[in-house]
Amino acid sequence: MKLVGNWSYPTAIRFGAGRIAEIAEACTAAQIQKPLLVTDRGLASFDITQQTLNLLESAGLGRALFAEVDPNPNEKNLEEGLRVFREGSFDGVIAFGGGSGLDLAKLIAFMVGQTRSVWDFEDIGDWWTRANHDGIKPIIAVPTTAGTGSEVGRAGVLTNTATQEKKIIFHPKILPSVVICDPKLTVGMPQKITAGTGMDAFAHCLEAYCSPFYHPLSQGVALEGMRLVKEYLPPAYADGTDLEARAHMMSAAAMGATAFTKGLGAIHALSHPLGAMYHTHHGTTNAVCMAAVLQFNRPVVEELIEKAAAYLNIDGGFEGFAAFVDQLNASLDIPRNLSELGVKSPDLEALTRKALTDPCAGGNPVAMTTKNTRQLYEALL
């Protein structure tokens, strides 16, 4: 397999099948001598996790594991992770898994040297400057899904259980210093997770591409990321052992997160409250919201989408692109509405209020209001 490379965009990335074998070398590069591997509960007992711990142990780096991570990680998970990190006198974190494990691991490394509440570092204005920069521990990221792209992100998403809101915690140094993207770690990923995480990557690329802010570098990355998802998500979904498709999807995931430095929009603004209140899978929720938001933004993004359709070899301009999204969702067995997603009789007033205060709302091409946001949720029913 020739899909191998060493990249520095936006951080040092070791990409290629089997490169998890370099985990000890990555620790040396990140100046970590006693790492804590953080992942979610479901992944803790998997062979890929145990094999990674074996590699660490054989290199004299121990085999410390923290896996008390919920699917939508919250401040309680963070508090427990910080307790384990401090009591074990660890000096760095290996963020291992999907978005939940990666985000929480990054936030443990960030918060261990802070004295303020985590909510004081929400991605608002220059709140990140409140942090003690020197107190942030080094991070190595190892994604095992192809969706969130958190491995190349400068933020972590954390659910506030008191307010039932997802908060984006930001600091430039949350960006992992070394990333190992090994597509072998995603082989055999369940179809449902392949679909949801893959559509998360597509949502990141689509929203970044449509974002009204000026960032031509991200624009190009987003466009190519959409092409990779279009070409390789269906075969990755059909055959969990298709290593080439898995590799390209892993690239698309990192590209989506790199691109959305340009901005996100209503898909994520709608999705975040649904995940916080009803514990839905983030990527799958994005997919459910996508078609309605695409139509909502049509007056502003139609020309952009026509250009994207041409690049993606989709006939029919905007209508053809919208049809493609519907067809892709259907082929991946994505729920058609909130009811099929498991959200029954949602609190539309609360959802609307929280969507409008989500940081992603400000990046939508069409201004979100109380009226049109509630209409969007109603359309999802």
Protein backbone atom coordinates (compact mmCIF):
# COMPACT_ATOMS: atom_id res chain seq x y z
CA MET A 1 0.00 0.00 0.00
CA LYS A 2 1.46 3.35 -1.12
CA LEU A 3 -0.73 5.67 0.94
CA VAL A 4 2.05 6.68 3.33
CA GLY A 5 3.46 10.07 4.23
CA ASN A 6 4.85 12.43 6.86
CA TRP A 7 2.94 15.70 6.89
CA SER A 8 3.14 18.94 8.84
CA TYR A 9 -0.32 20.31 8.17
CA PRO A 10 -1.48 21.57 10.58
CA THR A 11 0.76 19.50 12.87
CA ALA A 12 3.17 16.58 12.56
CA ILE A 13 1.20 13.64 11.10
CA ARG A 14 2.54 10.13 10.60
CA PHE A 15 0.16 8.66 8.07
CA GLY A 16 0.14 5.08 6.88
CA ALA A 17 -0.91 1.51 7.58
CA GLY A 18 0.94 -0.04 10.51
CA ARG A 19 2.41 3.20 11.81
CA ILE A 20 0.95 2.64 15.27
CA ALA A 21 4.21 0.71 15.74
CA GLU A 22 5.86 4.14 16.03
CA ILE A 23 3.91 5.10 19.16
CA ALA A 24 6.95 4.95 21.45
CA GLU A 25 8.99 7.03 19.02
CA ALA A 26 6.12 9.53 18.92
CA CYS A 27 6.27 9.79 22.71
CA THR A 28 9.96 10.61 22.49
CA ALA A 29 9.25 13.27 19.86
CA ALA A 30 6.57 14.78 22.12
CA GLN A 31 8.88 14.55 25.17
CA ILE A 32 6.51 12.21 27.00
CA GLN A 33 8.08 9.65 29.33
CA LYS A 34 5.03 8.54 31.27
CA PRO A 35 1.91 8.68 29.11
CA LEU A 36 -1.71 8.15 30.06
CA LEU A 37 -3.68 6.58 27.20
CA VAL A 38 -7.24 7.95 27.17
CA THR A 39 -10.03 6.29 25.24
CA ASP A 40 -13.74 5.52 25.58
CA ARG A 41 -15.22 2.59 27.49
CA GLY A 42 -16.23 0.65 24.42
CA LEU A 43 -12.77 0.75 22.90
CA ALA A 44 -10.82 -0.06 26.06
CA SER A 45 -10.94 -3.84 25.64
CA PHE A 46 -10.44 -3.91 21.85
CA ASP A 47 -7.34 -5.58 20.44
CA ILE A 48 -6.10 -2.33 18.88
CA THR A 49 -6.10 -0.68 22.30
CA GLN A 50 -4.42 -3.57 24.08
CA GLN A 51 -1.82 -3.90 21.32
CA THR A 52 -1.01 -0.19 21.63
CA LEU A 53 -0.62 -0.58 25.39
CA ASN A 54 1.67 -3.56 24.73
CA LEU A 55 3.84 -1.36 22.49
CA LEU A 56 4.08 1.26 25.20
CA GLU A 57 4.89 -1.28 27.89
CA SER A 58 7.58 -2.95 25.82
CA ALA A 59 9.22 0.45 25.33
CA GLY A 60 9.29 1.06 29.08
CA LEU A 61 6.50 3.63 28.97
CA GLY A 62 4.00 1.71 31.11
CA ARG A 63 0.47 0.73 30.07
CA ALA A 64 -1.67 3.27 31.92
CA LEU A 65 -5.24 3.52 30.66
CA PHE A 66 -8.18 5.82 31.42
CA ALA A 67 -11.46 4.88 29.74
CA GLU A 68 -14.23 6.50 31.79
CA VAL A 69 -15.39 8.50 28.79
CA ASP A 70 -19.04 8.85 27.76
CA PRO A 71 -20.13 9.03 24.09
CA ASN A 72 -20.75 12.76 24.63
CA PRO A 73 -18.01 13.46 27.22
CA ASN A 74 -18.86 15.79 30.09
CA GLU A 75 -17.25 17.65 32.98
CA LYS A 76 -17.64 14.62 35.26
CA ASN A 77 -15.52 12.52 32.90
CA LEU A 78 -13.00 15.35 32.83
CA GLU A 79 -12.81 15.61 36.62
CA GLU A 80 -12.20 11.86 36.94
CA GLY A 81 -9.58 11.92 34.21
CA LEU A 82 -7.76 14.81 35.88
CA ARG A 83 -7.77 12.92 39.18
CA VAL A 84 -6.20 9.85 37.55
CA PHE A 85 -3.65 11.95 35.66
CA ARG A 86 -2.52 13.82 38.76
CA GLU A 87 -2.42 10.79 41.06
CA GLY A 88 -0.36 8.89 38.50
CA SER A 89 2.09 11.75 37.96
CA PHE A 90 1.78 11.39 34.18
CA ASP A 91 3.55 13.86 31.90
CA GLY A 92 1.49 13.56 28.73
CA VAL A 93 -1.58 12.10 27.10
CA ILE A 94 -2.18 9.71 24.24
CA ALA A 95 -5.62 10.53 22.85
CA PHE A 96 -6.87 7.27 21.35
CA GLY A 97 -10.19 6.57 19.67
CA GLY A 98 -13.07 8.48 18.13
CA GLY A 99 -14.10 12.04 18.80
CA SER A 100 -15.19 11.42 22.38
CA GLY A 101 -11.90 9.90 23.52
CA LEU A 102 -9.80 12.37 21.57
CA ASP A 103 -11.66 15.42 22.87
CA LEU A 104 -11.60 14.37 26.50
CA ALA A 105 -7.93 13.37 26.35
CA LYS A 106 -6.99 16.76 24.93
CA LEU A 107 -8.97 18.53 27.63
CA ILE A 108 -7.30 16.49 30.39
CA ALA A 109 -3.89 17.56 29.07
CA PHE A 110 -5.13 21.15 28.86
CA MET A 111 -6.86 21.43 32.23
CA VAL A 112 -4.30 19.67 34.42
CA GLY A 113 -2.29 22.88 34.72
CA GLN A 114 -5.21 25.31 35.06
CA THR A 115 -6.77 26.82 38.17
CA ARG A 116 -9.97 28.17 36.58
CA SER A 117 -13.12 26.28 35.62
CA VAL A 118 -13.07 24.61 32.22
CA TRP A 119 -16.07 26.74 31.23
CA ASP A 120 -13.85 29.82 31.50
CA PHE A 121 -12.05 28.66 28.36
CA GLU A 122 -15.04 28.36 26.05
CA ASP A 123 -14.37 29.42 22.46
CA ILE A 124 -15.56 32.98 22.97
CA GLY A 125 -13.43 35.95 21.98
CA ASP A 126 -10.02 35.77 23.61
CA TRP A 127 -11.05 33.59 26.56
CA TRP A 128 -8.28 31.16 25.62
CA THR A 129 -5.72 33.75 26.77
CA ARG A 130 -6.88 33.13 30.35
CA ALA A 131 -5.09 29.78 30.34
CA ASN A 132 -1.70 29.00 31.80
CA HIS A 133 0.11 28.10 28.60
CA ASP A 134 2.98 26.39 30.40
CA GLY A 135 0.60 24.13 32.36
CA ILE A 136 -0.64 22.31 29.24
CA LYS A 137 0.81 18.81 28.87
CA PRO A 138 1.91 17.35 25.51
CA ILE A 139 -0.62 15.39 23.45
CA ILE A 140 -0.27 12.57 20.94
CA ALA A 141 -3.44 11.77 18.99
CA VAL A 142 -4.30 8.40 17.46
CA PRO A 143 -7.71 8.38 15.73
CA THR A 144 -9.47 5.04 15.34
CA THR A 145 -12.46 6.40 13.41
CA ALA A 146 -12.60 8.59 10.31
CA GLY A 147 -14.92 11.44 11.13
CA THR A 148 -14.35 14.12 13.74
CA GLY A 149 -10.80 15.07 12.80
CA SER A 150 -10.23 16.01 16.43
CA GLU A 151 -6.66 14.75 16.04
CA VAL A 152 -5.82 17.95 14.13
CA GLY A 153 -8.07 20.31 16.10
CA ARG A 154 -7.32 23.08 18.57
CA ALA A 155 -10.46 22.49 20.60
CA GLY A 156 -12.44 19.87 22.48
CA VAL A 157 -16.21 19.56 22.82
CA LEU A 158 -17.49 19.01 26.36
CA THR A 159 -21.09 18.62 27.53
CA ASN A 160 -22.18 20.71 30.50
CA THR A 161 -24.51 18.30 32.31
CA ALA A 162 -26.11 21.09 34.35
CA THR A 163 -27.23 23.13 31.36
CA GLN A 164 -27.39 20.25 28.82
CA GLU A 165 -25.23 22.21 26.40
CA LYS A 166 -22.19 21.26 24.38
CA LYS A 167 -19.37 23.73 24.85
CA ILE A 168 -16.34 24.17 22.62
CA ILE A 169 -13.18 24.61 24.71
CA PHE A 170 -10.37 26.23 22.72
CA HIS A 171 -6.66 26.84 23.04
CA PRO A 172 -3.99 26.73 20.31
CA LYS A 173 -1.85 24.36 22.39
CA ILE A 174 -4.65 21.78 22.53
CA LEU A 175 -3.50 20.87 19.03
CA PRO A 176 -1.66 17.52 19.38
CA SER A 177 2.06 17.77 18.70
CA VAL A 178 2.19 14.34 17.02
CA VAL A 179 -0.59 12.47 15.20
CA ILE A 180 -0.51 8.84 14.09
CA CYS A 181 -3.09 8.16 11.39
CA ASP A 182 -3.04 4.41 10.89
CA PRO A 183 -5.96 3.24 8.73
CA LYS A 184 -5.49 -0.32 10.00
CA LEU A 185 -6.94 0.87 13.32
CA THR A 186 -10.26 1.58 11.58
CA VAL A 187 -10.54 -1.78 9.79
CA GLY A 188 -13.62 -3.64 10.94
CA MET A 189 -15.26 -0.54 12.37
CA PRO A 190 -19.01 -1.27 12.53
CA GLN A 191 -21.03 -0.07 9.55
CA LYS A 192 -23.15 2.24 11.68
CA ILE A 193 -20.07 4.00 13.06
CA THR A 194 -18.43 4.10 9.64
CA ALA A 195 -21.53 5.82 8.27
CA GLY A 196 -21.97 8.31 11.11
CA THR A 197 -18.32 9.31 11.38
CA GLY A 198 -17.96 9.48 7.60
CA MET A 199 -20.91 11.84 7.32
CA ASP A 200 -19.41 13.91 10.12
CA ALA A 201 -16.32 14.40 7.94
CA PHE A 202 -18.56 15.35 5.01
CA ALA A 203 -20.51 17.83 7.17
CA HIS A 204 -17.26 19.47 8.29
CA CYS A 205 -16.12 19.87 4.71
CA LEU A 206 -19.50 21.05 3.42
CA GLU A 207 -20.03 23.64 6.15
CA ALA A 208 -16.46 24.91 5.89
CA TYR A 209 -16.84 25.21 2.12
CA CYS A 210 -20.07 27.22 2.50
CA SER A 211 -18.87 29.37 5.40
CA PRO A 212 -18.99 33.08 4.48
CA PHE A 213 -15.57 33.87 5.96
CA TYR A 214 -12.48 34.40 3.81
CA HIS A 215 -10.05 31.49 3.96
CA PRO A 216 -9.12 30.15 0.49
CA LEU A 217 -6.74 27.55 1.92
CA SER A 218 -9.56 25.94 3.88
CA GLN A 219 -11.89 26.28 0.90
CA GLY A 220 -9.68 24.09 -1.24
CA VAL A 221 -9.13 21.52 1.51
CA ALA A 222 -12.89 21.30 2.12
CA LEU A 223 -13.64 20.72 -1.55
CA GLU A 224 -11.17 17.89 -1.92
CA GLY A 225 -12.33 16.43 1.39
CA MET A 226 -15.87 16.21 0.03
CA ARG A 227 -14.54 14.39 -3.04
CA LEU A 228 -12.75 11.82 -0.91
CA VAL A 229 -15.89 11.13 1.12
CA LYS A 230 -17.99 10.83 -2.05
CA GLU A 231 -15.56 8.35 -3.57
CA TYR A 232 -14.50 6.32 -0.56
CA LEU A 233 -17.19 6.33 2.12
CA PRO A 234 -19.45 3.91 0.18
CA PRO A 235 -16.70 1.26 -0.27
CA ALA A 236 -15.50 1.73 3.33
CA TYR A 237 -19.09 1.17 4.46
CA ALA A 238 -19.57 -1.85 2.20
CA ASP A 239 -16.31 -3.56 3.15
CA GLY A 240 -14.74 -2.86 6.53
CA THR A 241 -11.46 -4.42 5.37
CA ASP A 242 -10.99 -2.09 2.37
CA LEU A 243 -7.76 -0.50 3.58
CA GLU A 244 -7.46 1.97 0.71
CA ALA A 245 -10.97 3.32 1.32
CA ARG A 246 -10.28 3.47 5.05
CA ALA A 247 -7.07 5.42 4.43
CA HIS A 248 -8.74 7.99 2.20
CA MET A 249 -11.56 8.44 4.73
CA MET A 250 -8.99 9.00 7.47
CA SER A 251 -7.48 11.74 5.30
CA ALA A 252 -10.93 13.23 4.67
CA ALA A 253 -11.61 13.38 8.40
CA ALA A 254 -8.40 15.31 9.08
CA MET A 255 -9.11 17.55 6.11
CA GLY A 256 -12.58 18.38 7.41
CA ALA A 257 -11.24 19.49 10.79
CA THR A 258 -8.45 21.46 9.11
CA ALA A 259 -10.99 23.13 6.82
CA PHE A 260 -13.44 24.14 9.51
CA THR A 261 -11.00 26.65 10.91
CA LYS A 262 -12.91 28.70 8.28
CA GLY A 263 -16.14 28.13 10.18
CA LEU A 264 -19.09 25.80 10.70
CA GLY A 265 -22.80 26.55 10.49
CA ALA A 266 -26.36 25.47 11.12
CA ILE A 267 -25.76 21.74 10.75
CA HIS A 268 -23.56 21.78 13.83
CA ALA A 269 -25.58 24.46 15.61
CA LEU A 270 -28.65 22.20 15.35
CA SER A 271 -26.75 19.01 16.09
CA HIS A 272 -24.93 20.07 19.25
CA PRO A 273 -28.10 20.67 21.35
CA LEU A 274 -29.61 17.40 20.11
CA GLY A 275 -26.52 15.51 21.23
CA ALA A 276 -26.36 17.27 24.58
CA MET A 277 -30.06 16.83 25.40
CA TYR A 278 -30.87 13.48 23.78
CA HIS A 279 -27.42 11.80 23.60
CA THR A 280 -27.51 11.18 19.86
CA HIS A 281 -24.42 10.22 17.87
CA HIS A 282 -22.85 13.46 16.66
CA GLY A 283 -21.94 12.49 13.11
CA THR A 284 -25.24 10.72 12.48
CA THR A 285 -27.11 13.74 13.83
CA ASN A 286 -25.19 15.98 11.44
CA ALA A 287 -26.25 13.73 8.56
CA VAL A 288 -29.90 13.94 9.62
CA CYS A 289 -29.70 17.75 9.70
CA MET A 290 -27.78 18.16 6.45
CA ALA A 291 -30.48 18.17 3.78
CA ALA A 292 -32.71 20.67 5.60
CA VAL A 293 -29.81 23.05 6.23
CA LEU A 294 -28.67 22.78 2.61
CA GLN A 295 -32.09 23.93 1.42
CA PHE A 296 -32.20 26.63 4.11
CA ASN A 297 -28.90 28.08 2.88
CA ARG A 298 -29.73 27.73 -0.83
CA PRO A 299 -30.39 31.45 -1.48
CA VAL A 300 -26.81 32.25 -0.50
CA VAL A 301 -24.80 29.13 -1.40
CA GLU A 302 -26.42 27.93 -4.62
CA GLU A 303 -23.61 29.15 -6.87
CA LEU A 304 -20.97 27.70 -4.54
CA ILE A 305 -22.73 24.35 -4.48
CA GLU A 306 -22.99 24.33 -8.28
CA LYS A 307 -19.20 24.70 -8.45
CA ALA A 308 -18.75 21.92 -5.91
CA ALA A 309 -21.12 19.67 -7.87
CA ALA A 310 -19.05 20.21 -11.01
CA TYR A 311 -15.83 19.33 -9.18
CA LEU A 312 -17.44 16.23 -7.70
CA ASN A 313 -18.81 15.13 -11.09
CA ILE A 314 -22.40 15.47 -9.89
CA ASP A 315 -24.87 16.45 -12.60
CA GLY A 316 -27.70 18.88 -12.01
CA GLY A 317 -26.07 21.73 -10.11
CA PHE A 318 -27.60 22.48 -6.71
CA GLU A 319 -30.53 20.09 -7.20
CA GLY A 320 -28.15 17.33 -8.20
CA PHE A 321 -25.95 17.94 -5.17
CA ALA A 322 -28.96 17.92 -2.84
CA ALA A 323 -30.14 14.67 -4.41
CA PHE A 324 -26.68 13.20 -3.94
CA VAL A 325 -26.78 14.00 -0.21
CA ASP A 326 -30.17 12.31 0.11
CA GLN A 327 -28.98 9.26 -1.83
CA LEU A 328 -25.77 8.98 0.18
CA ASN A 329 -27.67 9.13 3.46
CA ALA A 330 -30.11 6.50 2.26
CA SER A 331 -27.30 4.19 1.08
CA LEU A 332 -25.71 4.42 4.53
CA ASP A 333 -29.00 3.72 6.33
CA ILE A 334 -28.91 7.13 8.03
CA PRO A 335 -32.19 7.90 9.88
CA ARG A 336 -34.49 10.11 7.81
CA ASN A 337 -35.69 12.29 10.67
CA LEU A 338 -35.40 12.93 14.40
CA SER A 339 -37.98 10.31 15.25
CA GLU A 340 -35.98 7.60 13.48
CA LEU A 341 -32.90 8.95 15.27
CA GLY A 342 -34.65 8.19 18.56
CA VAL A 343 -35.64 11.74 19.48
CA LYS A 344 -39.33 11.64 20.41
CA SER A 345 -41.33 14.81 21.21
CA PRO A 346 -38.27 17.07 21.49
CA ASP A 347 -38.36 20.34 23.40
CA LEU A 348 -38.23 22.63 20.36
CA GLU A 349 -38.10 25.79 22.42
CA ALA A 350 -35.04 24.66 24.35
CA LEU A 351 -33.36 23.27 21.25
CA THR A 352 -33.92 26.52 19.37
CA ARG A 353 -32.57 28.64 22.19
CA LYS A 354 -29.45 26.52 22.53
CA ALA A 355 -28.83 26.34 18.78
CA LEU A 356 -28.84 30.13 18.55
CA THR A 357 -26.22 30.44 21.30
CA ASP A 358 -23.99 27.74 19.80
CA PRO A 359 -20.76 29.25 18.40
CA CYS A 360 -21.37 27.52 15.07
CA ALA A 361 -24.55 29.50 14.46
CA GLY A 362 -22.55 32.62 13.69
CA GLY A 363 -20.80 30.91 10.79
CA ASN A 364 -23.93 29.98 8.87
CA PRO A 365 -24.33 31.66 5.46
CA VAL A 366 -27.94 32.64 6.27
CA ALA A 367 -28.50 34.40 9.59
CA MET A 368 -30.21 32.13 12.11
CA THR A 369 -33.18 33.59 14.00
CA THR A 370 -35.59 32.19 16.55
CA LYS A 371 -38.24 31.76 13.86
CA ASN A 372 -36.19 30.10 11.13
CA THR A 373 -34.22 27.92 13.56
CA ARG A 374 -37.38 26.51 15.05
CA GLN A 375 -38.68 25.92 11.51
CA LEU A 376 -35.52 23.96 10.76
CA TYR A 377 -36.11 21.72 13.79
CA GLU A 378 -39.73 21.28 12.76
CA ALA A 379 -38.58 20.21 9.30
CA LEU A 380 -36.39 17.56 10.93
CA LEU A 381 -39.41 16.01 12.62
